[in-house]
Structures are given as structure tokens and as C-alpha cells.
């Protein structure tokens, strides 16, 4: 944004649905199907995951995901990218793996 000849950069806004650093360090290994540096990766996994968390928290249809959801991210993912990555995570059982580690079955022993 240009105000009076000065370039003003908006600070990233943290939403309640955004993953914390601690949460991200826990889930990232389960969500990384290819390396972060893979040439076909167009969006950061963390921003895609934040988009999914917003969708779950808001309960909104995919197409209603706000375009500015990822704040100051230069390469903000559109809803289609968040949806497609979520489908990949579901197909590969990423969320089940997270649940099995985060909430191990109590065997009553």
C-alpha cells in the first residue's frame, strides 16, 4: 500500500484458526508427502493447513474461503489448492496417523 509516497506493508494477521508453531512442529511430519522444496509445490504447506483449519472452524463451503485468508503470504493459496491438498492428505491417511499418535488407545491395563 502506498500512503503519501511511503510504502506501507501490512503485518500478517494471526487468526484464531491458524496453527501455532508448536502445533505445526507436531503435524508437519505427517502432512509432508513431498519435500517442502519440491518444484511442483506452489504454496506453503502451513498456509494450506491454515486454510483447512479455517474451513473446519468456520464450517463454510470451500468456495467461500476468503482470498485474503492467508494474510500477507505472497503466494496465497486459493480454495482449490486447499481442497486438493486436503484430498491428498485424506487419501494418504495423514489425519488418521496424527490421531493415532496424539490420542493413543487406552488399553485399560
Protein backbone atom coordinates (compact mmCIF):
# COMPACT_ATOMS: atom_id res chain seq x y z
CA UNK A 1 0.00 0.00 0.00
CA UNK A 2 1.32 3.47 -0.84
CA UNK A 3 0.47 6.25 1.63
CA UNK A 4 1.90 9.67 0.89
CA UNK A 5 4.87 8.31 -1.01
CA UNK A 6 5.64 5.74 1.69
CA UNK A 7 5.33 2.05 1.10
CA UNK A 8 3.36 0.51 3.97
CA UNK A 9 3.50 -3.26 4.40
CA UNK A 10 0.69 -4.78 6.41
CA UNK A 11 1.79 -7.04 9.23
CA UNK A 12 0.49 -10.59 8.94
CA UNK A 13 -2.66 -11.05 10.98
CA UNK A 14 -2.89 -14.20 13.06
CA UNK A 15 -6.32 -15.79 13.04
CA UNK A 16 -7.65 -17.97 15.87
CA UNK A 17 -7.71 -20.89 13.41
CA UNK A 18 -4.02 -20.52 12.48
CA UNK A 19 -1.73 -23.32 13.61
CA UNK A 20 0.77 -22.39 16.33
CA UNK A 21 4.47 -23.11 15.93
CA UNK A 22 4.23 -25.99 18.42
CA UNK A 23 1.20 -27.48 16.67
CA UNK A 24 2.91 -27.14 13.29
CA UNK A 25 6.07 -28.87 14.51
CA UNK A 26 3.89 -31.81 15.60
CA UNK A 27 1.72 -32.19 12.47
CA UNK A 28 4.17 -31.16 9.72
CA UNK A 29 5.96 -34.53 9.52
CA UNK A 30 2.60 -36.26 8.92
CA UNK A 31 1.48 -33.77 6.27
CA UNK A 32 4.66 -33.61 4.23
CA UNK A 33 4.04 -36.04 1.36
CA UNK A 34 6.81 -34.48 -0.75
CA UNK A 35 9.63 -32.19 0.33
CA UNK A 36 8.88 -28.54 1.01
CA UNK A 37 11.37 -27.61 -1.73
CA UNK A 38 9.72 -29.76 -4.43
CA UNK A 39 9.49 -27.79 -7.68
CA UNK A 40 5.78 -28.56 -8.13
CA UNK A 41 4.88 -27.09 -4.74
CA UNK A 42 3.24 -23.71 -5.34
CA UNK A 43 2.02 -22.99 -1.80
CA UNK A 44 3.49 -23.47 1.66
CA UNK A 45 2.02 -26.48 3.45
CA UNK A 46 1.49 -24.43 6.59
CA UNK A 47 -0.68 -21.93 4.70
CA UNK A 48 -2.67 -24.78 3.12
CA UNK A 49 -3.16 -26.32 6.57
CA UNK A 50 -4.21 -22.93 7.98
CA UNK A 51 -6.76 -22.70 5.16
CA UNK A 52 -8.13 -26.12 6.06
CA UNK A 53 -8.31 -25.19 9.74
CA UNK A 54 -10.23 -22.03 8.84
CA UNK A 55 -12.68 -24.06 6.74
CA UNK A 56 -13.28 -26.54 9.57
CA UNK A 57 -13.69 -23.81 12.17
CA UNK A 58 -15.94 -21.62 10.01
CA UNK A 59 -17.98 -24.51 8.64
CA UNK A 60 -18.12 -22.68 5.32
CA UNK A 61 -18.31 -24.17 1.83
CA UNK A 62 -14.93 -24.43 0.09
CA UNK A 63 -15.75 -21.71 -2.44
CA UNK A 64 -16.46 -19.22 0.35
CA UNK A 65 -12.87 -19.28 1.62
CA UNK A 66 -11.73 -15.64 1.63
CA UNK A 67 -9.00 -14.81 -0.86
CA UNK A 68 -7.09 -12.83 1.76
CA UNK A 69 -7.25 -15.62 4.34
CA UNK A 70 -3.53 -16.17 4.34
CA UNK A 71 -2.86 -12.55 5.19
CA UNK A 72 0.49 -11.29 3.91
CA UNK A 73 1.54 -14.54 2.26
CA UNK A 74 2.96 -13.63 -1.16
CA UNK A 75 1.75 -16.83 -2.77
CA UNK A 76 -1.62 -17.23 -1.04
CA UNK A 77 -3.36 -20.50 -1.89
CA UNK A 78 -6.84 -20.31 -3.42
CA UNK A 79 -9.61 -22.53 -2.09
CA UNK A 80 -8.98 -25.06 -4.88
CA UNK A 81 -5.39 -25.59 -3.71
CA UNK A 82 -6.50 -26.07 -0.09
CA UNK A 83 -9.21 -28.50 -1.22
CA UNK A 84 -6.86 -30.51 -3.46
CA UNK A 85 -4.17 -30.78 -0.78
CA UNK A 86 -6.77 -31.81 1.79
CA UNK A 87 -7.91 -34.59 -0.56
CA UNK A 88 -4.30 -35.79 -0.86
CA UNK A 89 -3.90 -35.78 2.93
CA UNK A 90 -7.15 -37.74 3.31
CA UNK A 91 -6.16 -40.27 0.63
CA UNK A 92 -2.81 -40.95 2.29
CA UNK A 93 -4.30 -41.27 5.82
CA UNK A 94 -2.36 -38.32 7.23
CA UNK A 95 -5.06 -37.29 9.69
CA UNK A 96 -5.57 -40.85 10.94
CA UNK A 97 -1.82 -41.07 11.62
CA UNK A 98 -1.93 -37.83 13.60
CA UNK A 99 -4.90 -39.02 15.66
CA UNK A 100 -3.27 -42.39 16.44
CA UNK A 101 -0.17 -40.64 17.76
CA UNK A 102 -1.93 -37.77 19.54
CA UNK A 103 -4.60 -39.97 21.15
CA UNK A 104 -3.23 -43.48 21.67
CA UNK A 105 -5.83 -46.06 22.56
CA UNK A 106 -6.15 -46.61 26.30
CA UNK A 107 -5.97 -50.36 26.79
CA UNK A 108 -7.19 -50.31 30.40
CA UNK A 109 -4.24 -52.31 31.68
